[in-house]
Amino acid sequence: MSVSGWFILTLAVSLANFPFTTRRFFGVITLRNGKTSLVYIVEFVLMYMILASAAYSLEAREGRVFDQGWQFYVITVSLLMVFSFPGFVFRFLLPRTLLRR
């Protein structure tokens, strides 16, 4: 795998877990009622768009950009959801188990 491939993979893991690292919207805007599930979904979609644009620009820099069908986008969204699992566990599941002790 090339350096740009490893960069995109590292960026994907980082961006997938970013919404769960802070209680602020994009780490900057404080929300009055905290983050709701809709805010997490919006952040996830925006992180996917950032990742897709970075991958597209790297692919365009290396050569021809290949056409992608809907299957590609379904697989990459699913992969980003799998990458976000550690952040989800640390934000929502781990505090509940620590409170029970």
Protein backbone atom coordinates (compact mmCIF):
# COMPACT_ATOMS: atom_id res chain seq x y z
CA MET A 1 0.00 0.00 0.00
CA SER A 2 1.25 3.47 -0.81
CA VAL A 3 1.87 6.28 1.65
CA SER A 4 -1.31 8.04 0.56
CA GLY A 5 -3.29 4.87 1.25
CA TRP A 6 -1.93 4.66 4.78
CA PHE A 7 -2.63 8.37 5.23
CA ILE A 8 -6.28 7.95 4.21
CA LEU A 9 -6.66 4.94 6.49
CA THR A 10 -5.21 6.84 9.44
CA LEU A 11 -7.34 9.87 8.63
CA ALA A 12 -10.44 7.67 8.44
CA VAL A 13 -9.86 6.22 11.91
CA SER A 14 -9.19 9.67 13.34
CA LEU A 15 -12.20 11.34 11.74
CA ALA A 16 -14.52 8.46 12.63
CA ASN A 17 -13.73 8.82 16.34
CA PHE A 18 -13.59 12.62 16.44
CA PRO A 19 -17.33 13.22 17.15
CA PHE A 20 -17.06 11.12 20.32
CA THR A 21 -14.02 12.91 21.75
CA THR A 22 -15.78 16.11 22.77
CA ARG A 23 -19.24 17.24 23.81
CA ARG A 24 -19.05 20.27 21.52
CA PHE A 25 -20.16 20.42 17.90
CA PHE A 26 -16.97 20.01 15.84
CA GLY A 27 -15.03 20.60 19.03
CA VAL A 28 -15.78 24.33 18.88
CA ILE A 29 -19.48 25.18 19.28
CA THR A 30 -21.04 24.55 22.69
CA LEU A 31 -24.60 23.30 22.38
CA ARG A 32 -27.13 24.33 25.01
CA ASN A 33 -28.66 20.87 25.49
CA GLY A 34 -25.56 18.86 24.63
CA LYS A 35 -25.19 16.64 21.62
CA THR A 36 -28.24 14.73 20.45
CA SER A 37 -28.19 11.75 18.15
CA LEU A 38 -28.99 14.05 15.22
CA VAL A 39 -25.87 16.11 15.95
CA TYR A 40 -23.75 12.94 15.99
CA ILE A 41 -25.21 11.91 12.62
CA VAL A 42 -24.55 15.36 11.12
CA GLU A 43 -20.96 15.25 12.38
CA PHE A 44 -20.54 11.74 10.97
CA VAL A 45 -21.78 12.85 7.54
CA LEU A 46 -19.52 15.90 7.55
CA MET A 47 -16.52 13.78 8.57
CA TYR A 48 -17.31 11.38 5.73
CA MET A 49 -17.39 14.30 3.28
CA ILE A 50 -14.04 15.58 4.54
CA LEU A 51 -12.54 12.11 4.21
CA ALA A 52 -14.00 11.59 0.73
CA SER A 53 -12.68 14.92 -0.52
CA ALA A 54 -9.21 14.16 0.86
CA ALA A 55 -9.22 10.73 -0.78
CA TYR A 56 -10.46 12.19 -4.07
CA SER A 57 -7.75 14.84 -4.11
CA LEU A 58 -5.02 12.29 -3.38
CA GLU A 59 -6.35 9.99 -6.10
CA ALA A 60 -6.49 12.86 -8.59
CA ARG A 61 -2.93 13.82 -7.72
CA GLU A 62 -1.65 10.31 -8.45
CA GLY A 63 -3.42 9.86 -11.75
CA ARG A 64 -6.80 9.02 -13.22
CA VAL A 65 -9.83 9.23 -10.92
CA PHE A 66 -11.99 6.13 -11.27
CA ASP A 67 -15.78 6.30 -11.44
CA GLN A 68 -17.52 4.89 -8.37
CA GLY A 69 -20.98 3.35 -8.10
CA TRP A 70 -23.34 3.34 -5.15
CA GLN A 71 -21.71 0.16 -3.83
CA PHE A 72 -18.45 2.00 -3.18
CA TYR A 73 -20.17 4.63 -1.04
CA VAL A 74 -22.16 2.06 0.95
CA ILE A 75 -18.98 0.12 1.71
CA THR A 76 -16.98 3.20 2.70
CA VAL A 77 -19.76 4.49 5.00
CA SER A 78 -19.98 1.04 6.60
CA LEU A 79 -16.22 0.96 7.05
CA LEU A 80 -16.28 4.40 8.66
CA MET A 81 -19.00 3.17 11.04
CA VAL A 82 -16.81 0.22 12.02
CA PHE A 83 -13.87 2.57 12.59
CA SER A 84 -16.02 4.73 14.89
CA PHE A 85 -16.86 1.84 17.23
CA PRO A 86 -14.06 2.51 19.78
CA GLY A 87 -15.16 6.12 20.20
CA PHE A 88 -18.77 5.04 20.62
CA VAL A 89 -17.80 2.53 23.30
CA PHE A 90 -15.73 5.05 25.25
CA ARG A 91 -18.44 7.75 25.02
CA PHE A 92 -21.60 5.74 25.70
CA LEU A 93 -20.93 2.21 26.96
CA LEU A 94 -17.87 2.50 29.18
CA PRO A 95 -19.20 5.20 31.56
CA ARG A 96 -22.27 3.06 32.32
CA THR A 97 -20.19 0.04 33.26
CA LEU A 98 -17.90 2.14 35.45
CA LEU A 99 -20.87 3.62 37.32
CA ARG A 100 -22.20 0.17 38.24
CA ARG A 101 -19.11 -0.73 40.28
